[in-house]
Amino acid sequence: MNDCVFCKISQKKIPSKVVYEDDLSFAFEDINPQAPVHTLVIPKKHIPTVLDLKEGEDDHLIGHLFKIANKIAKERGIAERGFRLVTNCNPESGQTVYHIHLHVLGGRHMRWPPG
């Protein structure tokens, strides 16, 4: 997708504070953090929403994103205290970038309901 900001970030056409990268995924610091730790984990493959995931084809990719989120939480020292993983789907959820991503949030007490 040529106009997707997250595709451009993962291709390093737009600068970011890179946290992790491999052949399937890319993680970077959120530019508008909502917690002391706020990292976005994205697939390099462009998938607009969770509704666009293909059963069977994307199963490994989704598991991989969660594995990377766990790795980041451990490296950032928030795993034991607790952290939140958030993904949004479509406008009412608050999705503003149509490229699936996990928000890794931690470093402060999280409230419920989230908002």
PDB file of N, CA and C in Angstrom:
ATOM      1  N   MET A   1       0.860  -1.171   0.000  1.00  0.00           N
ATOM      2  CA  MET A   1       0.000   0.000   0.000  1.00  0.00           C
ATOM      3  C   MET A   1       0.906   1.235   0.000  1.00  0.00           C
ATOM      4  N   ASN A   2       0.852   2.015  -1.030  1.00  0.00           N
ATOM      5  CA  ASN A   2       1.762   3.143  -1.219  1.00  0.00           C
ATOM      6  C   ASN A   2       1.542   4.303  -0.265  1.00  0.00           C
ATOM      7  N   ASP A   3       0.315   4.535   0.176  1.00  0.00           N
ATOM      8  CA  ASP A   3       0.041   5.706   1.005  1.00  0.00           C
ATOM      9  C   ASP A   3      -0.105   5.385   2.499  1.00  0.00           C
ATOM     10  N   CYS A   4       0.165   4.172   2.905  1.00  0.00           N
ATOM     11  CA  CYS A   4       0.030   3.776   4.306  1.00  0.00           C
ATOM     12  C   CYS A   4       1.229   4.266   5.119  1.00  0.00           C
ATOM     13  N   VAL A   5       0.957   5.065   6.141  1.00  0.00           N
ATOM     14  CA  VAL A   5       2.035   5.621   6.961  1.00  0.00           C
ATOM     15  C   VAL A   5       2.835   4.523   7.668  1.00  0.00           C
ATOM     16  N   PHE A   6       2.184   3.466   8.140  1.00  0.00           N
ATOM     17  CA  PHE A   6       2.914   2.399   8.819  1.00  0.00           C
ATOM     18  C   PHE A   6       3.767   1.592   7.842  1.00  0.00           C
ATOM     19  N   CYS A   7       3.303   1.416   6.609  1.00  0.00           N
ATOM     20  CA  CYS A   7       4.144   0.763   5.601  1.00  0.00           C
ATOM     21  C   CYS A   7       5.386   1.608   5.361  1.00  0.00           C
ATOM     22  N   LYS A   8       5.202   2.915   5.247  1.00  0.00           N
ATOM     23  CA  LYS A   8       6.339   3.813   5.028  1.00  0.00           C
ATOM     24  C   LYS A   8       7.306   3.794   6.204  1.00  0.00           C
ATOM     25  N   ILE A   9       6.778   3.703   7.427  1.00  0.00           N
ATOM     26  CA  ILE A   9       7.642   3.626   8.607  1.00  0.00           C
ATOM     27  C   ILE A   9       8.439   2.327   8.592  1.00  0.00           C
ATOM     28  N   SER A  10       7.773   1.200   8.311  1.00  0.00           N
ATOM     29  CA  SER A  10       8.481  -0.086   8.313  1.00  0.00           C
ATOM     30  C   SER A  10       9.499  -0.177   7.174  1.00  0.00           C
ATOM     31  N   GLN A  11       9.286   0.578   6.107  1.00  0.00           N
ATOM     32  CA  GLN A  11      10.235   0.622   4.995  1.00  0.00           C
ATOM     33  C   GLN A  11      11.303   1.706   5.217  1.00  0.00           C
ATOM     34  N   LYS A  12      11.203   2.387   6.345  1.00  0.00           N
ATOM     35  CA  LYS A  12      12.146   3.440   6.752  1.00  0.00           C
ATOM     36  C   LYS A  12      12.141   4.639   5.806  1.00  0.00           C
ATOM     37  N   LYS A  13      10.993   4.864   5.186  1.00  0.00           N
ATOM     38  CA  LYS A  13      10.798   6.062   4.368  1.00  0.00           C
ATOM     39  C   LYS A  13      10.373   7.232   5.241  1.00  0.00           C
ATOM     40  N   ILE A  14       9.831   6.911   6.434  1.00  0.00           N
ATOM     41  CA  ILE A  14       9.488   7.895   7.456  1.00  0.00           C
ATOM     42  C   ILE A  14      10.277   7.501   8.698  1.00  0.00           C
ATOM     43  N   PRO A  15      10.993   8.445   9.312  1.00  0.00           N
ATOM     44  CA  PRO A  15      11.793   8.089  10.492  1.00  0.00           C
ATOM     45  C   PRO A  15      10.927   7.704  11.686  1.00  0.00           C
ATOM     46  N   SER A  16      11.477   6.828  12.500  1.00  0.00           N
ATOM     47  CA  SER A  16      10.818   6.416  13.739  1.00  0.00           C
ATOM     48  C   SER A  16      11.885   5.971  14.721  1.00  0.00           C
ATOM     49  N   LYS A  17      11.476   5.815  15.982  1.00  0.00           N
ATOM     50  CA  LYS A  17      12.369   5.251  16.997  1.00  0.00           C
ATOM     51  C   LYS A  17      12.142   3.743  16.993  1.00  0.00           C
ATOM     52  N   VAL A  18      13.000   3.042  16.275  1.00  0.00           N
ATOM     53  CA  VAL A  18      12.854   1.602  16.077  1.00  0.00           C
ATOM     54  C   VAL A  18      13.155   0.872  17.382  1.00  0.00           C
ATOM     55  N   VAL A  19      12.276  -0.060  17.724  1.00  0.00           N
ATOM     56  CA  VAL A  19      12.436  -0.893  18.911  1.00  0.00           C
ATOM     57  C   VAL A  19      12.832  -2.315  18.516  1.00  0.00           C
ATOM     58  N   TYR A  20      12.278  -2.801  17.404  1.00  0.00           N
ATOM     59  CA  TYR A  20      12.526  -4.178  16.977  1.00  0.00           C
ATOM     60  C   TYR A  20      12.212  -4.290  15.485  1.00  0.00           C
ATOM     61  N   GLU A  21      12.939  -5.177  14.831  1.00  0.00           N
ATOM     62  CA  GLU A  21      12.631  -5.463  13.426  1.00  0.00           C
ATOM     63  C   GLU A  21      13.098  -6.867  13.084  1.00  0.00           C
ATOM     64  N   ASP A  22      12.284  -7.571  12.308  1.00  0.00           N
ATOM     65  CA  ASP A  22      12.671  -8.839  11.707  1.00  0.00           C
ATOM     66  C   ASP A  22      11.995  -8.919  10.347  1.00  0.00           C
ATOM     67  N   ASP A  23      12.036 -10.077   9.709  1.00  0.00           N
ATOM     68  CA  ASP A  23      11.478 -10.179   8.361  1.00  0.00           C
ATOM     69  C   ASP A  23       9.957 -10.057   8.314  1.00  0.00           C
ATOM     70  N   LEU A  24       9.263 -10.321   9.418  1.00  0.00           N
ATOM     71  CA  LEU A  24       7.796 -10.265   9.451  1.00  0.00           C
ATOM     72  C   LEU A  24       7.219  -9.034  10.131  1.00  0.00           C
ATOM     73  N   SER A  25       7.986  -8.440  11.042  1.00  0.00           N
ATOM     74  CA  SER A  25       7.401  -7.398  11.891  1.00  0.00           C
ATOM     75  C   SER A  25       8.345  -6.224  12.115  1.00  0.00           C
ATOM     76  N   PHE A  26       7.746  -5.160  12.622  1.00  0.00           N
ATOM     77  CA  PHE A  26       8.477  -3.929  12.897  1.00  0.00           C
ATOM     78  C   PHE A  26       7.826  -3.314  14.132  1.00  0.00           C
ATOM     79  N   ALA A  27       8.631  -2.840  15.066  1.00  0.00           N
ATOM     80  CA  ALA A  27       8.087  -2.200  16.277  1.00  0.00           C
ATOM     81  C   ALA A  27       8.796  -0.873  16.468  1.00  0.00           C
ATOM     82  N   PHE A  28       8.013   0.129  16.876  1.00  0.00           N
ATOM     83  CA  PHE A  28       8.546   1.470  17.049  1.00  0.00           C
ATOM     84  C   PHE A  28       7.752   2.209  18.117  1.00  0.00           C
ATOM     85  N   GLU A  29       8.362   3.263  18.644  1.00  0.00           N
ATOM     86  CA  GLU A  29       7.722   4.061  19.687  1.00  0.00           C
ATOM     87  C   GLU A  29       6.576   4.886  19.107  1.00  0.00           C
ATOM     88  N   ASP A  30       5.466   4.942  19.827  1.00  0.00           N
ATOM     89  CA  ASP A  30       4.332   5.768  19.421  1.00  0.00           C
ATOM     90  C   ASP A  30       4.720   7.239  19.534  1.00  0.00           C
ATOM     91  N   ILE A  31       4.332   8.061  18.552  1.00  0.00           N
ATOM     92  CA  ILE A  31       4.691   9.484  18.597  1.00  0.00           C
ATOM     93  C   ILE A  31       3.816  10.277  19.566  1.00  0.00           C
ATOM     94  N   ASN A  32       2.728   9.666  20.034  1.00  0.00           N
ATOM     95  CA  ASN A  32       1.839  10.300  21.001  1.00  0.00           C
ATOM     96  C   ASN A  32       1.596   9.314  22.147  1.00  0.00           C
ATOM     97  N   PRO A  33       2.618   9.045  22.967  1.00  0.00           N
ATOM     98  CA  PRO A  33       2.511   7.978  23.970  1.00  0.00           C
ATOM     99  C   PRO A  33       1.430   8.235  25.017  1.00  0.00           C
ATOM    100  N   GLN A  34       0.720   7.169  25.341  1.00  0.00           N
ATOM    101  CA  GLN A  34      -0.337   7.216  26.347  1.00  0.00           C
ATOM    102  C   GLN A  34       0.097   6.563  27.653  1.00  0.00           C
ATOM    103  N   ALA A  35       1.333   6.153  27.725  1.00  0.00           N
ATOM    104  CA  ALA A  35       1.915   5.528  28.921  1.00  0.00           C
ATOM    105  C   ALA A  35       3.427   5.688  28.811  1.00  0.00           C
ATOM    106  N   PRO A  36       4.139   5.508  29.918  1.00  0.00           N
ATOM    107  CA  PRO A  36       5.599   5.602  29.854  1.00  0.00           C
ATOM    108  C   PRO A  36       6.215   4.671  28.805  1.00  0.00           C
ATOM    109  N   VAL A  37       5.644   3.494  28.626  1.00  0.00           N
ATOM    110  CA  VAL A  37       6.031   2.599  27.530  1.00  0.00           C
ATOM    111  C   VAL A  37       4.829   2.520  26.598  1.00  0.00           C
ATOM    112  N   HIS A  38       5.022   2.930  25.365  1.00  0.00           N
ATOM    113  CA  HIS A  38       3.964   2.837  24.360  1.00  0.00           C
ATOM    114  C   HIS A  38       4.629   2.552  23.017  1.00  0.00           C
ATOM    115  N   THR A  39       4.662   1.278  22.691  1.00  0.00           N
ATOM    116  CA  THR A  39       5.311   0.799  21.474  1.00  0.00           C
ATOM    117  C   THR A  39       4.259   0.193  20.561  1.00  0.00           C
ATOM    118  N   LEU A  40       4.397   0.421  19.271  1.00  0.00           N
ATOM    119  CA  LEU A  40       3.512  -0.175  18.279  1.00  0.00           C
ATOM    120  C   LEU A  40       4.232  -1.332  17.610  1.00  0.00           C
ATOM    121  N   VAL A  41       3.534  -2.448  17.486  1.00  0.00           N
ATOM    122  CA  VAL A  41       4.065  -3.635  16.824  1.00  0.00           C
ATOM    123  C   VAL A  41       3.192  -3.868  15.594  1.00  0.00           C
ATOM    124  N   ILE A  42       3.830  -3.861  14.421  1.00  0.00           N
ATOM    125  CA  ILE A  42       3.080  -4.006  13.183  1.00  0.00           C
ATOM    126  C   ILE A  42       3.657  -5.140  12.341  1.00  0.00           C
ATOM    127  N   PRO A  43       2.816  -5.741  11.504  1.00  0.00           N
ATOM    128  CA  PRO A  43       3.362  -6.664  10.512  1.00  0.00           C
ATOM    129  C   PRO A  43       3.914  -5.847   9.345  1.00  0.00           C
ATOM    130  N   LYS A  44       4.914  -6.343   8.684  1.00  0.00           N
ATOM    131  CA  LYS A  44       5.402  -5.672   7.477  1.00  0.00           C
ATOM    132  C   LYS A  44       4.407  -5.850   6.328  1.00  0.00           C
ATOM    133  N   LYS A  45       3.646  -6.921   6.387  1.00  0.00           N
ATOM    134  CA  LYS A  45       2.594  -7.144   5.397  1.00  0.00           C
ATOM    135  C   LYS A  45       1.451  -6.169   5.687  1.00  0.00           C
ATOM    136  N   HIS A  46       0.974  -5.489   4.669  1.00  0.00           N
ATOM    137  CA  HIS A  46      -0.126  -4.545   4.870  1.00  0.00           C
ATOM    138  C   HIS A  46      -1.448  -5.301   5.007  1.00  0.00           C
ATOM    139  N   ILE A  47      -2.070  -5.157   6.173  1.00  0.00           N
ATOM    140  CA  ILE A  47      -3.398  -5.705   6.436  1.00  0.00           C
ATOM    141  C   ILE A  47      -4.169  -4.563   7.088  1.00  0.00           C
ATOM    142  N   PRO A  48      -5.210  -4.034   6.455  1.00  0.00           N
ATOM    143  CA  PRO A  48      -5.888  -2.844   6.969  1.00  0.00           C
ATOM    144  C   PRO A  48      -6.527  -2.996   8.357  1.00  0.00           C
ATOM    145  N   THR A  49      -7.311  -4.034   8.576  1.00  0.00           N
ATOM    146  CA  THR A  49      -7.980  -4.225   9.869  1.00  0.00           C
ATOM    147  C   THR A  49      -7.921  -5.697  10.257  1.00  0.00           C
ATOM    148  N   VAL A  50      -8.257  -5.994  11.499  1.00  0.00           N
ATOM    149  CA  VAL A  50      -8.293  -7.400  11.918  1.00  0.00           C
ATOM    150  C   VAL A  50      -9.347  -8.187  11.138  1.00  0.00           C
ATOM    151  N   LEU A  51     -10.335  -7.503  10.594  1.00  0.00           N
ATOM    152  CA  LEU A  51     -11.347  -8.170   9.777  1.00  0.00           C
ATOM    153  C   LEU A  51     -10.785  -8.647   8.445  1.00  0.00           C
ATOM    154  N   ASP A  52      -9.619  -8.125   8.066  1.00  0.00           N
ATOM    155  CA  ASP A  52      -8.988  -8.491   6.801  1.00  0.00           C
ATOM    156  C   ASP A  52      -7.982  -9.633   6.940  1.00  0.00           C
ATOM    157  N   LEU A  53      -7.821 -10.163   8.149  1.00  0.00           N
ATOM    158  CA  LEU A  53      -6.926 -11.298   8.342  1.00  0.00           C
ATOM    159  C   LEU A  53      -7.469 -12.513   7.603  1.00  0.00           C
ATOM    160  N   LYS A  54      -6.583 -13.252   6.967  1.00  0.00           N
ATOM    161  CA  LYS A  54      -6.982 -14.448   6.238  1.00  0.00           C
ATOM    162  C   LYS A  54      -6.691 -15.685   7.078  1.00  0.00           C
ATOM    163  N   GLU A  55      -7.754 -16.428   7.362  1.00  0.00           N
ATOM    164  CA  GLU A  55      -7.611 -17.640   8.169  1.00  0.00           C
ATOM    165  C   GLU A  55      -6.628 -18.585   7.514  1.00  0.00           C
ATOM    166  N   GLY A  56      -5.744 -19.116   8.332  1.00  0.00           N
ATOM    167  CA  GLY A  56      -4.719 -20.013   7.821  1.00  0.00           C
ATOM    168  C   GLY A  56      -3.504 -19.257   7.326  1.00  0.00           C
ATOM    169  N   GLU A  57      -3.693 -18.313   6.428  1.00  0.00           N
ATOM    170  CA  GLU A  57      -2.588 -17.562   5.838  1.00  0.00           C
ATOM    171  C   GLU A  57      -1.902 -16.628   6.834  1.00  0.00           C
ATOM    172  N   ASP A  58      -2.680 -15.975   7.710  1.00  0.00           N
ATOM    173  CA  ASP A  58      -2.127 -14.980   8.629  1.00  0.00           C
ATOM    174  C   ASP A  58      -2.006 -15.459  10.077  1.00  0.00           C
ATOM    175  N   ASP A  59      -2.353 -16.717  10.339  1.00  0.00           N
ATOM    176  CA  ASP A  59      -2.327 -17.235  11.709  1.00  0.00           C
ATOM    177  C   ASP A  59      -0.936 -17.114  12.339  1.00  0.00           C
ATOM    178  N   HIS A  60       0.085 -17.530  11.636  1.00  0.00           N
ATOM    179  CA  HIS A  60       1.453 -17.475  12.163  1.00  0.00           C
ATOM    180  C   HIS A  60       1.870 -16.028  12.420  1.00  0.00           C
ATOM    181  N   LEU A  61       1.489 -15.138  11.523  1.00  0.00           N
ATOM    182  CA  LEU A  61       1.854 -13.729  11.645  1.00  0.00           C
ATOM    183  C   LEU A  61       1.278 -13.118  12.919  1.00  0.00           C
ATOM    184  N   ILE A  62       0.031 -13.398  13.221  1.00  0.00           N
ATOM    185  CA  ILE A  62      -0.601 -12.837  14.418  1.00  0.00           C
ATOM    186  C   ILE A  62       0.070 -13.380  15.673  1.00  0.00           C
ATOM    187  N   GLY A  63       0.356 -14.658  15.711  1.00  0.00           N
ATOM    188  CA  GLY A  63       1.091 -15.224  16.838  1.00  0.00           C
ATOM    189  C   GLY A  63       2.457 -14.588  16.986  1.00  0.00           C
ATOM    190  N   HIS A  64       3.104 -14.331  15.873  1.00  0.00           N
ATOM    191  CA  HIS A  64       4.427 -13.695  15.888  1.00  0.00           C
ATOM    192  C   HIS A  64       4.349 -12.295  16.487  1.00  0.00           C
ATOM    193  N   LEU A  65       3.336 -11.513  16.127  1.00  0.00           N
ATOM    194  CA  LEU A  65       3.189 -10.161  16.675  1.00  0.00           C
ATOM    195  C   LEU A  65       3.039 -10.192  18.193  1.00  0.00           C
ATOM    196  N   PHE A  66       2.280 -11.153  18.702  1.00  0.00           N
ATOM    197  CA  PHE A  66       2.125 -11.280  20.149  1.00  0.00           C
ATOM    198  C   PHE A  66       3.442 -11.689  20.807  1.00  0.00           C
ATOM    199  N   LYS A  67       4.194 -12.556  20.156  1.00  0.00           N
ATOM    200  CA  LYS A  67       5.497 -12.964  20.682  1.00  0.00           C
ATOM    201  C   LYS A  67       6.429 -11.751  20.772  1.00  0.00           C
ATOM    202  N   ILE A  68       6.422 -10.898  19.771  1.00  0.00           N
ATOM    203  CA  ILE A  68       7.265  -9.703  19.769  1.00  0.00           C
ATOM    204  C   ILE A  68       6.792  -8.730  20.841  1.00  0.00           C
ATOM    205  N   ALA A  69       5.484  -8.583  21.013  1.00  0.00           N
ATOM    206  CA  ALA A  69       4.951  -7.714  22.074  1.00  0.00           C
ATOM    207  C   ALA A  69       5.435  -8.193  23.447  1.00  0.00           C
ATOM    208  N   ASN A  70       5.422  -9.495  23.679  1.00  0.00           N
ATOM    209  CA  ASN A  70       5.915 -10.054  24.948  1.00  0.00           C
ATOM    210  C   ASN A  70       7.397  -9.757  25.134  1.00  0.00           C
ATOM    211  N   LYS A  71       8.167  -9.921  24.080  1.00  0.00           N
ATOM    212  CA  LYS A  71       9.609  -9.652  24.128  1.00  0.00           C
ATOM    213  C   LYS A  71       9.857  -8.184  24.500  1.00  0.00           C
ATOM    214  N   ILE A  72       9.116  -7.284  23.890  1.00  0.00           N
ATOM    215  CA  ILE A  72       9.268  -5.856  24.177  1.00  0.00           C
ATOM    216  C   ILE A  72       8.890  -5.551  25.623  1.00  0.00           C
ATOM    217  N   ALA A  73       7.794  -6.131  26.096  1.00  0.00           N
ATOM    218  CA  ALA A  73       7.372  -5.913  27.486  1.00  0.00           C
ATOM    219  C   ALA A  73       8.452  -6.370  28.459  1.00  0.00           C
ATOM    220  N   LYS A  74       9.068  -7.497  28.192  1.00  0.00           N
ATOM    221  CA  LYS A  74      10.143  -7.989  29.053  1.00  0.00           C
ATOM    222  C   LYS A  74      11.360  -7.078  28.984  1.00  0.00           C
ATOM    223  N   GLU A  75      11.756  -6.690  27.782  1.00  0.00           N
ATOM    224  CA  GLU A  75      12.931  -5.825  27.616  1.00  0.00           C
ATOM    225  C   GLU A  75      12.727  -4.442  28.239  1.00  0.00           C
ATOM    226  N   ARG A  76      11.506  -3.950  28.239  1.00  0.00           N
ATOM    227  CA  ARG A  76      11.208  -2.627  28.777  1.00  0.00           C
ATOM    228  C   ARG A  76      10.895  -2.652  30.271  1.00  0.00           C
ATOM    229  N   GLY A  77      10.916  -3.839  30.872  1.00  0.00           N
ATOM    230  CA  GLY A  77      10.729  -3.963  32.308  1.00  0.00           C
ATOM    231  C   GLY A  77       9.304  -3.810  32.797  1.00  0.00           C
ATOM    232  N   ILE A  78       8.322  -4.050  31.910  1.00  0.00           N
ATOM    233  CA  ILE A  78       6.919  -3.904  32.320  1.00  0.00           C
ATOM    234  C   ILE A  78       6.175  -5.238  32.393  1.00  0.00           C
ATOM    235  N   ALA A  79       6.826  -6.314  31.991  1.00  0.00           N
ATOM    236  CA  ALA A  79       6.142  -7.603  31.919  1.00  0.00           C
ATOM    237  C   ALA A  79       5.625  -8.071  33.279  1.00  0.00           C
ATOM    238  N   GLU A  80       6.458  -8.039  34.292  1.00  0.00           N
ATOM    239  CA  GLU A  80       6.075  -8.555  35.604  1.00  0.00           C
ATOM    240  C   GLU A  80       5.051  -7.655  36.298  1.00  0.00           C
ATOM    241  N   ARG A  81       5.183  -6.358  36.128  1.00  0.00           N
ATOM    242  CA  ARG A  81       4.243  -5.414  36.756  1.00  0.00           C
ATOM    243  C   ARG A  81       2.895  -5.424  36.055  1.00  0.00           C
ATOM    244  N   GLY A  82       2.922  -5.673  34.766  1.00  0.00           N
ATOM    245  CA  GLY A  82       1.701  -5.716  33.972  1.00  0.00           C
ATOM    246  C   GLY A  82       1.744  -4.733  32.827  1.00  0.00           C
ATOM    247  N   PHE A  83       1.124  -5.133  31.739  1.00  0.00           N
ATOM    248  CA  PHE A  83       1.049  -4.279  30.561  1.00  0.00           C
ATOM    249  C   PHE A  83      -0.235  -4.593  29.819  1.00  0.00           C
ATOM    250  N   ARG A  84      -0.572  -3.729  28.902  1.00  0.00           N
ATOM    251  CA  ARG A  84      -1.797  -3.896  28.130  1.00  0.00           C
ATOM    252  C   ARG A  84      -1.441  -3.971  26.658  1.00  0.00           C
ATOM    253  N   LEU A  85      -2.100  -4.884  25.950  1.00  0.00           N
ATOM    254  CA  LEU A  85      -2.026  -4.951  24.495  1.00  0.00           C
ATOM    255  C   LEU A  85      -3.373  -4.503  23.952  1.00  0.00           C
ATOM    256  N   VAL A  86      -3.333  -3.554  23.043  1.00  0.00           N
ATOM    257  CA  VAL A  86      -4.572  -3.009  22.472  1.00  0.00           C
ATOM    258  C   VAL A  86      -4.475  -3.054  20.955  1.00  0.00           C
ATOM    259  N   THR A  87      -5.558  -3.465  20.331  1.00  0.00           N
ATOM    260  CA  THR A  87      -5.696  -3.315  18.890  1.00  0.00           C
ATOM    261  C   THR A  87      -7.101  -2.790  18.627  1.00  0.00           C
ATOM    262  N   ASN A  88      -7.210  -1.904  17.679  1.00  0.00           N
ATOM    263  CA  ASN A  88      -8.492  -1.286  17.355  1.00  0.00           C
ATOM    264  C   ASN A  88      -8.917  -1.720  15.961  1.00  0.00           C
ATOM    265  N   CYS A  89     -10.232  -1.753  15.743  1.00  0.00           N
ATOM    266  CA  CYS A  89     -10.754  -2.148  14.435  1.00  0.00           C
ATOM    267  C   CYS A  89     -11.889  -1.213  14.038  1.00  0.00           C
ATOM    268  N   ASN A  90     -11.618  -0.386  13.047  1.00  0.00           N
ATOM    269  CA  ASN A  90     -12.587   0.521  12.449  1.00  0.00           C
ATOM    270  C   ASN A  90     -12.853   1.759  13.320  1.00  0.00           C
ATOM    271  N   PRO A  91     -13.601   2.723  12.804  1.00  0.00           N
ATOM    272  CA  PRO A  91     -13.684   4.055  13.420  1.00  0.00           C
ATOM    273  C   PRO A  91     -14.171   4.123  14.867  1.00  0.00           C
ATOM    274  N   GLU A  92     -15.223   3.407  15.224  1.00  0.00           N
ATOM    275  CA  GLU A  92     -15.752   3.533  16.589  1.00  0.00           C
ATOM    276  C   GLU A  92     -14.791   3.009  17.642  1.00  0.00           C
ATOM    277  N   SER A  93     -13.849   2.184  17.246  1.00  0.00           N
ATOM    278  CA  SER A  93     -12.860   1.673  18.197  1.00  0.00           C
ATOM    279  C   SER A  93     -11.722   2.660  18.395  1.00  0.00           C
ATOM    280  N   GLY A  94     -11.596   3.595  17.471  1.00  0.00           N
ATOM    281  CA  GLY A  94     -10.507   4.555  17.527  1.00  0.00           C
ATOM    282  C   GLY A  94      -9.397   4.269  16.535  1.00  0.00           C
ATOM    283  N   GLN A  95      -9.601   3.317  15.622  1.00  0.00           N
ATOM    284  CA  GLN A  95      -8.553   3.036  14.627  1.00  0.00           C
ATOM    285  C   GLN A  95      -8.411   4.237  13.703  1.00  0.00           C
ATOM    286  N   THR A  96      -7.202   4.754  13.610  1.00  0.00           N
ATOM    287  CA  THR A  96      -6.946   5.900  12.736  1.00  0.00           C
ATOM    288  C   THR A  96      -5.970   5.558  11.614  1.00  0.00           C
ATOM    289  N   VAL A  97      -5.140   4.540  11.816  1.00  0.00           N
ATOM    290  CA  VAL A  97      -4.234   4.072  10.769  1.00  0.00           C
ATOM    291  C   VAL A  97      -4.703   2.682  10.373  1.00  0.00           C
ATOM    292  N   TYR A  98      -5.032   2.521   9.103  1.00  0.00           N
ATOM    293  CA  TYR A  98      -5.583   1.259   8.636  1.00  0.00           C
ATOM    294  C   TYR A  98      -4.480   0.307   8.168  1.00  0.00           C
ATOM    295  N   HIS A  99      -3.752  -0.149   9.177  1.00  0.00           N
ATOM    296  CA  HIS A  99      -2.696  -1.166   9.069  1.00  0.00           C
ATOM    297  C   HIS A  99      -2.682  -1.787  10.465  1.00  0.00           C
ATOM    298  N   ILE A 100      -3.025  -3.075  10.572  1.00  0.00           N
ATOM    299  CA  ILE A 100      -3.161  -3.657  11.907  1.00  0.00           C
ATOM    300  C   ILE A 100      -1.903  -3.428  12.737  1.00  0.00           C
ATOM    301  N   HIS A 101      -2.128  -3.234  14.030  1.00  0.00           N
ATOM    302  CA  HIS A 101      -1.011  -3.005  14.939  1.00  0.00           C
ATOM    303  C   HIS A 101      -1.445  -3.277  16.372  1.00  0.00           C
ATOM    304  N   LEU A 102      -0.462  -3.661  17.165  1.00  0.00           N
ATOM    305  CA  LEU A 102      -0.660  -3.831  18.600  1.00  0.00           C
ATOM    306  C   LEU A 102      -0.012  -2.660  19.313  1.00  0.00           C
ATOM    307  N   HIS A 103      -0.742  -2.070  20.246  1.00  0.00           N
ATOM    308  CA  HIS A 103      -0.163  -1.080  21.148  1.00  0.00           C
ATOM    309  C   HIS A 103       0.317  -1.850  22.374  1.00  0.00           C
ATOM    310  N   VAL A 104       1.581  -1.725  22.723  1.00  0.00           N
ATOM    311  CA  VAL A 104       2.126  -2.286  23.955  1.00  0.00           C
ATOM    312  C   VAL A 104       2.216  -1.117  24.928  1.00  0.00           C
ATOM    313  N   LEU A 105       1.372  -1.142  25.973  1.00  0.00           N
ATOM    314  CA  LEU A 105       1.270  -0.033  26.920  1.00  0.00           C
ATOM    315  C   LEU A 105       1.630  -0.507  28.317  1.00  0.00           C
ATOM    316  N   GLY A 106       2.461   0.254  29.006  1.00  0.00           N
ATOM    317  CA  GLY A 106       2.809  -0.109  30.370  1.00  0.00           C
ATOM    318  C   GLY A 106       3.616   0.971  31.057  1.00  0.00           C
ATOM    319  N   GLY A 107       3.982   0.681  32.288  1.00  0.00           N
ATOM    320  CA  GLY A 107       4.765   1.629  33.068  1.00  0.00           C
ATOM    321  C   GLY A 107       3.923   2.523  33.951  1.00  0.00           C
ATOM    322  N   ARG A 108       2.624   2.272  33.970  1.00  0.00           N
ATOM    323  CA  ARG A 108       1.708   2.993  34.861  1.00  0.00           C
ATOM    324  C   ARG A 108       0.496   2.099  35.093  1.00  0.00           C
ATOM    325  N   HIS A 109      -0.278   2.442  36.109  1.00  0.00           N
ATOM    326  CA  HIS A 109      -1.498   1.686  36.397  1.00  0.00           C
ATOM    327  C   HIS A 109      -2.529   1.948  35.296  1.00  0.00           C
ATOM    328  N   MET A 110      -3.086   0.881  34.747  1.00  0.00           N
ATOM    329  CA  MET A 110      -4.114   0.988  33.727  1.00  0.00           C
ATOM    330  C   MET A 110      -5.489   0.911  34.378  1.00  0.00           C
ATOM    331  N   ARG A 111      -6.376   1.698  33.906  1.00  0.00           N
ATOM    332  CA  ARG A 111      -7.748   1.730  34.446  1.00  0.00           C
ATOM    333  C   ARG A 111      -8.692   0.937  33.536  1.00  0.00           C
ATOM    334  N   TRP A 112      -9.822   0.542  34.140  1.00  0.00           N
ATOM    335  CA  TRP A 112     -10.856  -0.154  33.375  1.00  0.00           C
ATOM    336  C   TRP A 112     -12.194   0.452  33.717  1.00  0.00           C
ATOM    337  N   PRO A 113     -13.054   0.717  32.767  1.00  0.00           N
ATOM    338  CA  PRO A 113     -12.883   0.453  31.342  1.00  0.00           C
ATOM    339  C   PRO A 113     -11.876   1.418  30.718  1.00  0.00           C
ATOM    340  N   PRO A 114     -11.296   1.011  29.583  1.00  0.00           N
ATOM    341  CA  PRO A 114     -10.215   1.794  29.000  1.00  0.00           C
ATOM    342  C   PRO A 114     -10.641   3.120  28.382  1.00  0.00           C
ATOM    343  N   GLY A 115     -11.899   3.291  28.023  1.00  0.00           N
ATOM    344  CA  GLY A 115     -12.243   4.609  27.482  1.00  0.00           C
ATOM    345  C   GLY A 115     -13.323   4.661  26.547  1.00  0.00           C
TER     346      GLY A 115
END
